[in-house]
Amino acid sequence: MNYTLEEKYNLIKEMVKEETSKNPITILKKLMHKDFINIHGPEHHFLDGAAFLVACKNAEGKIDIDDCLDELAKRTMNMPGAMCGLWGVCGSSCSLGASLAIMNRTSPLSDNDYYRDNMEYTSSVINKMSKIGGPRCCKRNAFLSIIAAAEFVKNKYNIDLEINEVKCEFSPLNVQCIKERCPFYNK
């Protein structure tokens, strides 16, 4: 079945809110296996941040998840696919940066540590991605973004998310898989 991006977002929103895990990778992978999530695609721009926000809510409980997911959907809906190659910035890192901005209630006019923190996070994860190189992989970049975000919120805000060793089970579906160059490649 073909889904519009809006339909995918709605399905992600419904399913992710049912999750009780504090592990954003577990939440992410569960949804990545759904038939409406492509191996690569702009649905990751919402999915990645949504999995992170729900894990933060489950770990800390201070997040109004409905409002946060609605705002994340608004912010990511217009992000085009292939941003990594065409704009030089990964949509997953933007999704997690937007998630942090939503959690911290920062805006373009914010003059506080949160504004700086959001930029610190996104630049650090883009730097990690740049060291691996291409071609694109929405799964690899989602794992990198979420692991970096989990470490970041632990160090900055004492939000303790669960992260296990990540092994990718999507390599056989990705004809551009970089195999051993990927830190998550499962031989």
Protein backbone atom coordinates (compact mmCIF):
# COMPACT_ATOMS: atom_id res chain seq x y z
CA MET A 1 0.00 0.00 0.00
CA ASN A 2 1.20 3.51 -0.77
CA TYR A 3 0.99 6.02 2.05
CA THR A 4 1.27 9.78 1.89
CA LEU A 5 3.83 11.39 4.15
CA GLU A 6 1.00 12.77 6.28
CA GLU A 7 -0.48 9.28 6.66
CA LYS A 8 2.93 7.95 7.68
CA TYR A 9 3.29 10.69 10.28
CA ASN A 10 -0.13 9.89 11.73
CA LEU A 11 0.69 6.18 11.94
CA ILE A 12 4.03 6.92 13.58
CA LYS A 13 2.35 9.26 16.07
CA GLU A 14 -0.29 6.67 17.01
CA MET A 15 2.19 3.82 17.40
CA VAL A 16 4.98 5.68 19.14
CA LYS A 17 2.65 6.98 21.88
CA GLU A 18 1.90 3.36 22.86
CA GLU A 19 5.56 2.69 23.64
CA THR A 20 6.68 2.40 27.26
CA SER A 21 10.41 1.84 26.73
CA LYS A 22 13.11 4.23 27.87
CA ASN A 23 15.24 2.96 24.98
CA PRO A 24 14.79 5.18 21.90
CA ILE A 25 16.60 2.68 19.65
CA THR A 26 14.19 -0.10 20.66
CA ILE A 27 11.25 2.19 19.88
CA LEU A 28 12.84 3.32 16.62
CA LYS A 29 13.65 -0.18 15.36
CA LYS A 30 10.17 -1.46 16.15
CA LEU A 31 8.65 1.21 13.93
CA MET A 32 11.36 0.91 11.26
CA HIS A 33 10.08 -2.60 10.58
CA LYS A 34 6.58 -1.36 9.71
CA ASP A 35 5.56 -1.59 6.06
CA PHE A 36 5.03 2.16 5.76
CA ILE A 37 8.63 3.01 6.70
CA ASN A 38 10.98 2.92 3.72
CA ILE A 39 14.64 2.02 4.01
CA HIS A 40 15.34 5.68 3.17
CA GLY A 41 12.85 8.52 3.22
CA PRO A 42 11.63 11.72 4.81
CA GLU A 43 9.41 9.83 7.26
CA HIS A 44 12.62 9.38 9.30
CA HIS A 45 12.67 13.14 9.88
CA PHE A 46 9.66 12.67 12.15
CA LEU A 47 10.20 9.07 13.30
CA ASP A 48 13.67 9.61 14.75
CA GLY A 49 12.69 12.57 16.92
CA ALA A 50 9.39 10.97 17.90
CA ALA A 51 11.13 7.84 19.21
CA PHE A 52 13.54 10.03 21.18
CA LEU A 53 10.78 12.24 22.65
CA VAL A 54 8.73 9.24 23.78
CA ALA A 55 11.78 7.62 25.41
CA CYS A 56 12.49 10.91 27.22
CA LYS A 57 8.89 11.11 28.39
CA ASN A 58 9.09 7.52 29.63
CA ALA A 59 12.37 8.22 31.43
CA GLU A 60 11.50 11.58 32.90
CA GLY A 61 7.75 12.02 32.64
CA LYS A 62 7.86 15.82 32.32
CA ILE A 63 7.03 15.96 28.61
CA ASP A 64 3.57 16.64 27.20
CA ILE A 65 4.00 14.07 24.47
CA ASP A 66 0.93 15.03 22.45
CA ASP A 67 2.02 18.66 22.18
CA CYS A 68 5.64 17.70 21.51
CA LEU A 69 4.76 15.24 18.75
CA ASP A 70 2.36 17.70 17.14
CA GLU A 71 5.03 20.39 17.13
CA LEU A 72 7.69 18.00 15.82
CA ALA A 73 5.36 16.96 13.00
CA LYS A 74 4.83 20.62 12.05
CA ARG A 75 8.55 21.31 12.04
CA THR A 76 9.60 18.23 10.10
CA MET A 77 6.75 17.86 7.58
CA ASN A 78 8.34 20.29 5.14
CA MET A 79 11.86 18.93 5.37
CA PRO A 80 12.66 17.41 1.98
CA GLY A 81 14.11 13.97 1.50
CA ALA A 82 17.78 13.67 0.52
CA MET A 83 18.79 16.65 2.68
CA CYS A 84 22.05 14.90 3.50
CA GLY A 85 23.31 14.97 -0.06
CA LEU A 86 21.54 18.07 -1.31
CA TRP A 87 21.82 20.41 1.69
CA GLY A 88 24.78 18.98 3.61
CA VAL A 89 22.77 18.32 6.75
CA CYS A 90 21.08 15.10 7.80
CA GLY A 91 17.34 15.15 8.43
CA SER A 92 17.76 12.87 11.42
CA SER A 93 20.11 15.29 13.15
CA CYS A 94 17.60 18.07 12.41
CA SER A 95 14.79 15.94 13.84
CA LEU A 96 16.68 15.40 17.09
CA GLY A 97 17.77 19.05 17.17
CA ALA A 98 14.11 20.05 16.76
CA SER A 99 13.17 17.60 19.52
CA LEU A 100 15.66 19.22 21.89
CA ALA A 101 14.40 22.68 20.92
CA ILE A 102 10.82 21.57 21.61
CA MET A 103 11.74 20.01 24.95
CA ASN A 104 13.74 23.11 25.93
CA ARG A 105 11.20 25.56 24.46
CA THR A 106 13.87 27.41 22.55
CA SER A 107 13.16 29.74 19.66
CA PRO A 108 15.29 31.78 17.27
CA LEU A 109 15.20 34.58 19.86
CA SER A 110 16.24 32.47 22.85
CA ASP A 111 19.25 33.84 24.69
CA ASN A 112 20.04 30.98 27.01
CA ASP A 113 22.11 27.84 27.34
CA TYR A 114 19.46 25.74 25.61
CA TYR A 115 19.94 27.62 22.33
CA ARG A 116 23.66 26.89 22.50
CA ASP A 117 23.02 23.29 23.62
CA ASN A 118 20.81 22.54 20.62
CA MET A 119 23.51 23.78 18.24
CA GLU A 120 26.19 21.88 20.15
CA TYR A 121 24.23 18.65 19.77
CA THR A 122 23.50 18.98 16.04
CA SER A 123 27.04 20.00 15.15
CA SER A 124 28.50 17.09 17.12
CA VAL A 125 26.35 14.47 15.41
CA ILE A 126 26.89 15.96 11.93
CA ASN A 127 30.63 15.77 12.65
CA LYS A 128 30.30 12.05 13.47
CA MET A 129 28.36 11.46 10.24
CA SER A 130 30.96 13.34 8.21
CA LYS A 131 33.70 10.99 9.40
CA ILE A 132 31.78 7.97 8.07
CA GLY A 133 30.78 9.51 4.76
CA GLY A 134 28.20 8.37 2.25
CA PRO A 135 26.21 7.21 0.53
CA ARG A 136 23.13 7.97 2.57
CA CYS A 137 21.60 5.58 5.05
CA CYS A 138 18.61 6.73 7.07
CA LYS A 139 19.02 3.80 9.47
CA ARG A 140 22.71 4.44 10.20
CA ASN A 141 22.14 8.18 10.65
CA ALA A 142 19.11 7.58 12.88
CA PHE A 143 21.20 5.33 15.13
CA LEU A 144 24.04 7.89 15.23
CA SER A 145 21.65 10.76 15.97
CA ILE A 146 19.75 9.00 18.71
CA ILE A 147 22.80 7.57 20.45
CA ALA A 148 24.42 11.01 20.43
CA ALA A 149 21.19 12.61 21.71
CA ALA A 150 20.88 10.05 24.52
CA GLU A 151 24.45 10.74 25.62
CA PHE A 152 23.82 14.47 25.30
CA VAL A 153 20.68 14.60 27.47
CA LYS A 154 22.35 12.37 30.06
CA ASN A 155 25.35 14.70 30.33
CA LYS A 156 23.44 18.00 30.08
CA TYR A 157 20.09 17.32 31.73
CA ASN A 158 20.54 14.06 33.66
CA ILE A 159 17.87 12.29 31.58
CA ASP A 160 18.87 8.65 31.64
CA LEU A 161 17.78 6.80 28.50
CA GLU A 162 18.57 3.15 27.91
CA ILE A 163 20.86 2.42 24.99
CA ASN A 164 22.09 -1.06 24.15
CA GLU A 165 24.67 -2.04 21.58
CA VAL A 166 23.11 -1.33 18.18
CA LYS A 167 23.32 -3.90 15.41
CA CYS A 168 21.63 -3.08 12.13
CA GLU A 169 19.23 -5.61 10.70
CA PHE A 170 18.44 -3.50 7.63
CA SER A 171 21.67 -4.01 5.65
CA PRO A 172 20.19 -6.63 3.29
CA LEU A 173 17.46 -4.13 2.33
CA ASN A 174 19.88 -1.30 1.57
CA VAL A 175 21.60 -1.68 -1.79
CA GLN A 176 23.95 1.21 -0.86
CA CYS A 177 24.98 -0.29 2.50
CA ILE A 178 28.60 0.58 3.26
CA LYS A 179 28.94 -2.64 5.28
CA GLU A 180 32.16 -2.68 7.37
CA ARG A 181 32.48 1.12 7.21
CA CYS A 182 29.24 1.37 9.19
CA PRO A 183 29.59 1.17 12.98
CA PHE A 184 26.30 -0.76 13.17
CA TYR A 185 26.91 -3.32 10.42
CA ASN A 186 25.88 -6.80 11.55
CA LYS A 187 28.13 -9.23 9.67
